[in-house]
PDB file of N, CA and C in Angstrom:
ATOM      1  N   MET A   1     122.161 130.260  61.559  1.00  0.00           N
ATOM      2  CA  MET A   1     122.584 131.431  62.596  1.00  0.00           C
ATOM      3  C   MET A   1     124.268 130.965  62.442  1.00  0.00           C
ATOM      4  N   PHE A   2     125.055 131.350  62.107  1.00  0.00           N
ATOM      5  CA  PHE A   2     126.504 131.046  61.981  1.00  0.00           C
ATOM      6  C   PHE A   2     126.507 128.973  61.231  1.00  0.00           C
ATOM      7  N   GLY A   3     125.003 128.935  60.022  1.00  0.00           N
ATOM      8  CA  GLY A   3     125.391 128.076  59.520  1.00  0.00           C
ATOM      9  C   GLY A   3     124.705 126.852  60.145  1.00  0.00           C
ATOM     10  N   LEU A   4     124.210 127.178  61.131  1.00  0.00           N
ATOM     11  CA  LEU A   4     123.895 125.774  61.978  1.00  0.00           C
ATOM     12  C   LEU A   4     122.391 125.981  62.220  1.00  0.00           C
ATOM     13  N   THR A   5     122.186 124.665  62.126  1.00  0.00           N
ATOM     14  CA  THR A   5     120.446 124.473  63.060  1.00  0.00           C
ATOM     15  C   THR A   5     119.922 125.213  64.506  1.00  0.00           C
ATOM     16  N   GLU A   6     118.901 125.075  64.856  1.00  0.00           N
ATOM     17  CA  GLU A   6     118.510 125.644  65.749  1.00  0.00           C
ATOM     18  C   GLU A   6     118.621 124.564  66.957  1.00  0.00           C
ATOM     19  N   GLU A   7     118.712 123.388  66.565  1.00  0.00           N
ATOM     20  CA  GLU A   7     118.795 122.562  67.222  1.00  0.00           C
ATOM     21  C   GLU A   7     120.435 122.299  68.020  1.00  0.00           C
ATOM     22  N   GLN A   8     120.677 122.081  66.759  1.00  0.00           N
ATOM     23  CA  GLN A   8     122.825 121.916  66.769  1.00  0.00           C
ATOM     24  C   GLN A   8     123.004 123.097  67.556  1.00  0.00           C
ATOM     25  N   PHE A   9     122.404 124.692  67.331  1.00  0.00           N
ATOM     26  CA  PHE A   9     123.248 126.177  68.247  1.00  0.00           C
ATOM     27  C   PHE A   9     123.168 125.923  69.592  1.00  0.00           C
ATOM     28  N   THR A  10     121.626 125.385  69.728  1.00  0.00           N
ATOM     29  CA  THR A  10     121.376 125.483  71.328  1.00  0.00           C
ATOM     30  C   THR A  10     121.836 124.074  72.290  1.00  0.00           C
ATOM     31  N   GLN A  11     122.466 122.725  71.593  1.00  0.00           N
ATOM     32  CA  GLN A  11     123.096 122.228  71.939  1.00  0.00           C
ATOM     33  C   GLN A  11     124.912 123.029  72.049  1.00  0.00           C
ATOM     34  N   TYR A  12     125.029 123.206  71.432  1.00  0.00           N
ATOM     35  CA  TYR A  12     126.384 123.688  71.749  1.00  0.00           C
ATOM     36  C   TYR A  12     126.402 124.667  72.824  1.00  0.00           C
ATOM     37  N   GLY A  13     125.541 125.808  72.876  1.00  0.00           N
ATOM     38  CA  GLY A  13     125.255 126.688  73.872  1.00  0.00           C
ATOM     39  C   GLY A  13     125.227 126.086  74.734  1.00  0.00           C
ATOM     40  N   VAL A  14     124.270 125.043  75.443  1.00  0.00           N
ATOM     41  CA  VAL A  14     124.032 124.175  76.433  1.00  0.00           C
ATOM     42  C   VAL A  14     125.326 124.039  77.004  1.00  0.00           C
ATOM     43  N   THR A  15     126.013 123.241  76.000  1.00  0.00           N
ATOM     44  CA  THR A  15     127.506 122.590  76.174  1.00  0.00           C
ATOM     45  C   THR A  15     128.646 123.205  76.807  1.00  0.00           C
ATOM     46  N   ILE A  16     128.497 123.976  76.075  1.00  0.00           N
ATOM     47  CA  ILE A  16     129.883 125.358  76.337  1.00  0.00           C
ATOM     48  C   ILE A  16     129.109 126.213  77.725  1.00  0.00           C
ATOM     49  N   GLY A  17     128.113 126.406  77.619  1.00  0.00           N
ATOM     50  CA  GLY A  17     127.527 127.212  79.077  1.00  0.00           C
ATOM     51  C   GLY A  17     127.770 126.655  80.169  1.00  0.00           C
ATOM     52  N   LEU A  18     126.796 125.348  80.392  1.00  0.00           N
ATOM     53  CA  LEU A  18     127.936 124.197  81.309  1.00  0.00           C
ATOM     54  C   LEU A  18     129.060 123.890  82.093  1.00  0.00           C
ATOM     55  N   ALA A  19     129.468 123.991  81.012  1.00  0.00           N
ATOM     56  CA  ALA A  19     131.252 123.815  80.906  1.00  0.00           C
ATOM     57  C   ALA A  19     131.846 125.099  81.780  1.00  0.00           C
ATOM     58  N   ALA A  20     131.297 125.625  81.254  1.00  0.00           N
ATOM     59  CA  ALA A  20     131.694 127.150  81.959  1.00  0.00           C
ATOM     60  C   ALA A  20     131.327 127.185  83.218  1.00  0.00           C
ATOM     61  N   PHE A  21     129.946 127.217  83.442  1.00  0.00           N
ATOM     62  CA  PHE A  21     129.040 127.427  84.505  1.00  0.00           C
ATOM     63  C   PHE A  21     130.224 126.354  85.635  1.00  0.00           C
ATOM     64  N   ILE A  22     130.415 124.921  85.138  1.00  0.00           N
ATOM     65  CA  ILE A  22     130.513 124.307  86.275  1.00  0.00           C
ATOM     66  C   ILE A  22     132.563 124.445  86.833  1.00  0.00           C
ATOM     67  N   GLY A  23     132.765 125.066  85.446  1.00  0.00           N
ATOM     68  CA  GLY A  23     133.894 125.759  86.051  1.00  0.00           C
ATOM     69  C   GLY A  23     134.595 126.865  86.851  1.00  0.00           C
ATOM     70  N   PHE A  24     133.194 127.453  86.566  1.00  0.00           N
ATOM     71  CA  PHE A  24     132.791 128.756  88.019  1.00  0.00           C
ATOM     72  C   PHE A  24     132.674 128.211  89.151  1.00  0.00           C
ATOM     73  N   MET A  25     131.790 126.989  89.162  1.00  0.00           N
ATOM     74  CA  MET A  25     131.326 126.818  90.506  1.00  0.00           C
ATOM     75  C   MET A  25     132.725 126.093  91.261  1.00  0.00           C
ATOM     76  N   LEU A  26     133.296 125.112  90.201  1.00  0.00           N
ATOM     77  CA  LEU A  26     134.603 125.200  90.911  1.00  0.00           C
ATOM     78  C   LEU A  26     136.043 126.068  91.478  1.00  0.00           C
ATOM     79  N   PHE A  27     136.070 126.871  91.025  1.00  0.00           N
ATOM     80  CA  PHE A  27     136.518 127.590  90.957  1.00  0.00           C
ATOM     81  C   PHE A  27     136.136 128.730  92.211  1.00  0.00           C
ATOM     82  N   ILE A  28     134.683 128.629  92.388  1.00  0.00           N
ATOM     83  CA  ILE A  28     134.201 129.317  94.177  1.00  0.00           C
ATOM     84  C   ILE A  28     134.060 128.229  95.100  1.00  0.00           C
ATOM     85  N   VAL A  29     134.343 126.863  94.670  1.00  0.00           N
ATOM     86  CA  VAL A  29     134.191 126.158  95.673  1.00  0.00           C
ATOM     87  C   VAL A  29     135.930 126.494  96.302  1.00  0.00           C
ATOM     88  N   TRP A  30     136.647 126.419  95.637  1.00  0.00           N
ATOM     89  CA  TRP A  30     138.228 126.469  96.203  1.00  0.00           C
ATOM     90  C   TRP A  30     138.788 127.932  96.395  1.00  0.00           C
ATOM     91  N   ASP A  31     138.212 129.148  95.720  1.00  0.00           N
ATOM     92  CA  ASP A  31     137.733 130.288  96.265  1.00  0.00           C
ATOM     93  C   ASP A  31     137.410 130.312  98.061  1.00  0.00           C
ATOM     94  N   LEU A  32     136.678 129.366  98.366  1.00  0.00           N
ATOM     95  CA  LEU A  32     135.934 129.443  99.987  1.00  0.00           C
ATOM     96  C   LEU A  32     136.680 128.186 100.106  1.00  0.00           C
ATOM     97  N   ALA A  33     137.587 127.258  99.863  1.00  0.00           N
ATOM     98  CA  ALA A  33     138.322 126.648 100.764  1.00  0.00           C
ATOM     99  C   ALA A  33     139.920 127.678 101.140  1.00  0.00           C
ATOM    100  N   ARG A  34     139.963 127.765  99.917  1.00  0.00           N
ATOM    101  CA  ARG A  34     141.244 129.172 100.579  1.00  0.00           C
ATOM    102  C   ARG A  34     141.134 130.399 101.095  1.00  0.00           C
ATOM    103  N   LYS A  35     139.526 131.140 101.204  1.00  0.00           N
ATOM    104  CA  LYS A  35     139.317 131.878 102.064  1.00  0.00           C
ATOM    105  C   LYS A  35     138.960 131.586 103.852  1.00  0.00           C
ATOM    106  N   SER A  36     138.420 130.157 103.520  1.00  0.00           N
ATOM    107  CA  SER A  36     138.027 130.026 104.652  1.00  0.00           C
ATOM    108  C   SER A  36     139.087 128.884 105.666  1.00  0.00           C
ATOM    109  N   LYS A  37     140.611 128.916 104.845  1.00  0.00           N
ATOM    110  CA  LYS A  37     141.657 128.301 105.619  1.00  0.00           C
ATOM    111  C   LYS A  37     141.506 126.645 106.083  1.00  0.00           C
ATOM    112  N   ALA A  38     140.903 126.153 105.033  1.00  0.00           N
ATOM    113  CA  ALA A  38     140.265 124.725 105.095  1.00  0.00           C
ATOM    114  C   ALA A  38     141.374 123.722 105.664  1.00  0.00           C
ATOM    115  N   GLY A  39     142.279 123.929 104.603  1.00  0.00           N
ATOM    116  CA  GLY A  39     143.442 122.824 105.183  1.00  0.00           C
ATOM    117  C   GLY A  39     143.379 121.679 103.721  1.00  0.00           C
ATOM    118  N   ARG A  40     144.186 120.952 103.836  1.00  0.00           N
ATOM    119  CA  ARG A  40     143.788 119.905 102.700  1.00  0.00           C
ATOM    120  C   ARG A  40     143.029 118.982 102.826  1.00  0.00           C
ATOM    121  N   PHE A  41     142.414 118.472 104.059  1.00  0.00           N
ATOM    122  CA  PHE A  41     141.420 117.822 104.141  1.00  0.00           C
ATOM    123  C   PHE A  41     140.536 118.635 104.368  1.00  0.00           C
ATOM    124  N   GLY A  42     139.976 119.372 104.658  1.00  0.00           N
ATOM    125  CA  GLY A  42     138.994 120.476 104.451  1.00  0.00           C
ATOM    126  C   GLY A  42     138.385 120.789 103.306  1.00  0.00           C
ATOM    127  N   THR A  43     139.516 120.876 102.301  1.00  0.00           N
ATOM    128  CA  THR A  43     139.512 121.363 100.901  1.00  0.00           C
ATOM    129  C   THR A  43     139.006 119.932  99.871  1.00  0.00           C
ATOM    130  N   PHE A  44     139.505 118.917 100.420  1.00  0.00           N
ATOM    131  CA  PHE A  44     138.922 117.716  99.669  1.00  0.00           C
ATOM    132  C   PHE A  44     137.799 117.327 100.021  1.00  0.00           C
ATOM    133  N   VAL A  45     137.213 117.962 101.214  1.00  0.00           N
ATOM    134  CA  VAL A  45     135.988 117.344 101.945  1.00  0.00           C
ATOM    135  C   VAL A  45     134.959 118.148 101.084  1.00  0.00           C
ATOM    136  N   LEU A  46     135.565 119.559 100.875  1.00  0.00           N
ATOM    137  CA  LEU A  46     134.819 120.780 100.050  1.00  0.00           C
ATOM    138  C   LEU A  46     134.241 120.204  98.478  1.00  0.00           C
ATOM    139  N   PHE A  47     135.594 119.872  98.546  1.00  0.00           N
ATOM    140  CA  PHE A  47     135.589 119.700  96.692  1.00  0.00           C
ATOM    141  C   PHE A  47     134.403 118.131  96.652  1.00  0.00           C
ATOM    142  N   PHE A  48     134.646 117.506  97.367  1.00  0.00           N
ATOM    143  CA  PHE A  48     134.267 115.926  97.369  1.00  0.00           C
ATOM    144  C   PHE A  48     132.319 116.084  97.357  1.00  0.00           C
ATOM    145  N   VAL A  49     132.734 116.994  98.473  1.00  0.00           N
ATOM    146  CA  VAL A  49     130.403 117.065  98.789  1.00  0.00           C
ATOM    147  C   VAL A  49     130.050 118.042  97.776  1.00  0.00           C
ATOM    148  N   LEU A  50     130.540 119.211  97.505  1.00  0.00           N
ATOM    149  CA  LEU A  50     129.806 120.148  96.646  1.00  0.00           C
ATOM    150  C   LEU A  50     130.561 120.087  95.287  1.00  0.00           C
ATOM    151  N   ALA A  51     130.848 119.628  94.818  1.00  0.00           N
ATOM    152  CA  ALA A  51     131.608 118.912  93.353  1.00  0.00           C
ATOM    153  C   ALA A  51     130.834 117.540  93.249  1.00  0.00           C
ATOM    154  N   PHE A  52     130.198 116.957  94.157  1.00  0.00           N
ATOM    155  CA  PHE A  52     129.958 115.703  93.546  1.00  0.00           C
ATOM    156  C   PHE A  52     128.577 115.656  92.573  1.00  0.00           C
ATOM    157  N   GLY A  53     127.657 116.521  92.830  1.00  0.00           N
ATOM    158  CA  GLY A  53     126.302 116.797  92.026  1.00  0.00           C
ATOM    159  C   GLY A  53     127.155 117.113  90.171  1.00  0.00           C
ATOM    160  N   MET A  54     127.657 117.876  90.174  1.00  0.00           N
ATOM    161  CA  MET A  54     128.210 118.068  88.895  1.00  0.00           C
ATOM    162  C   MET A  54     129.453 117.118  88.276  1.00  0.00           C
ATOM    163  N   LEU A  55     129.923 116.044  89.110  1.00  0.00           N
ATOM    164  CA  LEU A  55     130.272 114.784  88.505  1.00  0.00           C
ATOM    165  C   LEU A  55     128.997 114.137  87.956  1.00  0.00           C
ATOM    166  N   GLY A  56     128.035 114.072  88.547  1.00  0.00           N
ATOM    167  CA  GLY A  56     127.442 113.167  88.298  1.00  0.00           C
ATOM    168  C   GLY A  56     126.502 113.450  87.135  1.00  0.00           C
ATOM    169  N   PHE A  57     126.408 115.021  86.265  1.00  0.00           N
ATOM    170  CA  PHE A  57     125.682 115.483  85.736  1.00  0.00           C
ATOM    171  C   PHE A  57     126.617 115.156  84.357  1.00  0.00           C
ATOM    172  N   ILE A  58     128.211 115.270  84.576  1.00  0.00           N
ATOM    173  CA  ILE A  58     129.166 114.708  83.832  1.00  0.00           C
ATOM    174  C   ILE A  58     129.114 113.789  83.561  1.00  0.00           C
ATOM    175  N   VAL A  59     129.240 112.398  84.284  1.00  0.00           N
ATOM    176  CA  VAL A  59     128.837 111.802  83.849  1.00  0.00           C
ATOM    177  C   VAL A  59     127.501 110.726  82.774  1.00  0.00           C
ATOM    178  N   LYS A  60     126.674 111.432  83.387  1.00  0.00           N
ATOM    179  CA  LYS A  60     125.521 111.407  82.327  1.00  0.00           C
ATOM    180  C   LYS A  60     125.912 111.694  80.968  1.00  0.00           C
ATOM    181  N   GLY A  61     126.721 113.103  81.339  1.00  0.00           N
ATOM    182  CA  GLY A  61     126.304 112.999  79.294  1.00  0.00           C
ATOM    183  C   GLY A  61     127.629 112.161  78.857  1.00  0.00           C
ATOM    184  N   VAL A  62     128.459 111.763  79.204  1.00  0.00           N
ATOM    185  CA  VAL A  62     129.194 110.750  78.532  1.00  0.00           C
ATOM    186  C   VAL A  62     128.656 110.103  78.311  1.00  0.00           C
ATOM    187  N   LEU A  63     128.185 109.090  79.512  1.00  0.00           N
ATOM    188  CA  LEU A  63     127.186 108.013  79.660  1.00  0.00           C
ATOM    189  C   LEU A  63     126.518 108.021  78.424  1.00  0.00           C
ATOM    190  N   GLN A  64     126.140 109.286  78.267  1.00  0.00           N
ATOM    191  CA  GLN A  64     124.493 109.453  76.658  1.00  0.00           C
ATOM    192  C   GLN A  64     125.550 109.498  75.828  1.00  0.00           C
ATOM    193  N   LEU A  65     126.775 109.982  75.470  1.00  0.00           N
ATOM    194  CA  LEU A  65     127.612 110.108  74.398  1.00  0.00           C
ATOM    195  C   LEU A  65     127.891 108.641  74.122  1.00  0.00           C
ATOM    196  N   ILE A  66     128.293 107.473  74.963  1.00  0.00           N
ATOM    197  CA  ILE A  66     128.949 106.690  74.811  1.00  0.00           C
ATOM    198  C   ILE A  66     127.649 105.537  74.461  1.00  0.00           C
ATOM    199  N   LEU A  67     126.620 105.646  74.774  1.00  0.00           N
ATOM    200  CA  LEU A  67     125.660 104.606  74.562  1.00  0.00           C
ATOM    201  C   LEU A  67     124.489 105.541  73.493  1.00  0.00           C
ATOM    202  N   GLY A  68     124.888 106.499  72.916  1.00  0.00           N
ATOM    203  CA  GLY A  68     124.289 106.955  71.920  1.00  0.00           C
ATOM    204  C   GLY A  68     122.904 107.237  72.137  1.00  0.00           C
ATOM    205  N   ILE A  69     122.540 107.486  73.051  1.00  0.00           N
ATOM    206  CA  ILE A  69     121.184 108.424  73.365  1.00  0.00           C
ATOM    207  C   ILE A  69     120.867 109.809  73.279  1.00  0.00           C
TER     208      ILE A  69
END
């Protein structure tokens, strides 16, 4: 399909899909902070706590690229 092997298509789909999902989750956190009138510190805490897992996933991907795993 589209001149790609199944493995390549899956890899690109997962990468793009997860990037879109992470972006959507960041939008949800921002919207939650805005609607709850959390203020600057509250918004920071929301992003730090709720986005910490996403950051770990991104770092894992970057490390895999750097180390060639």
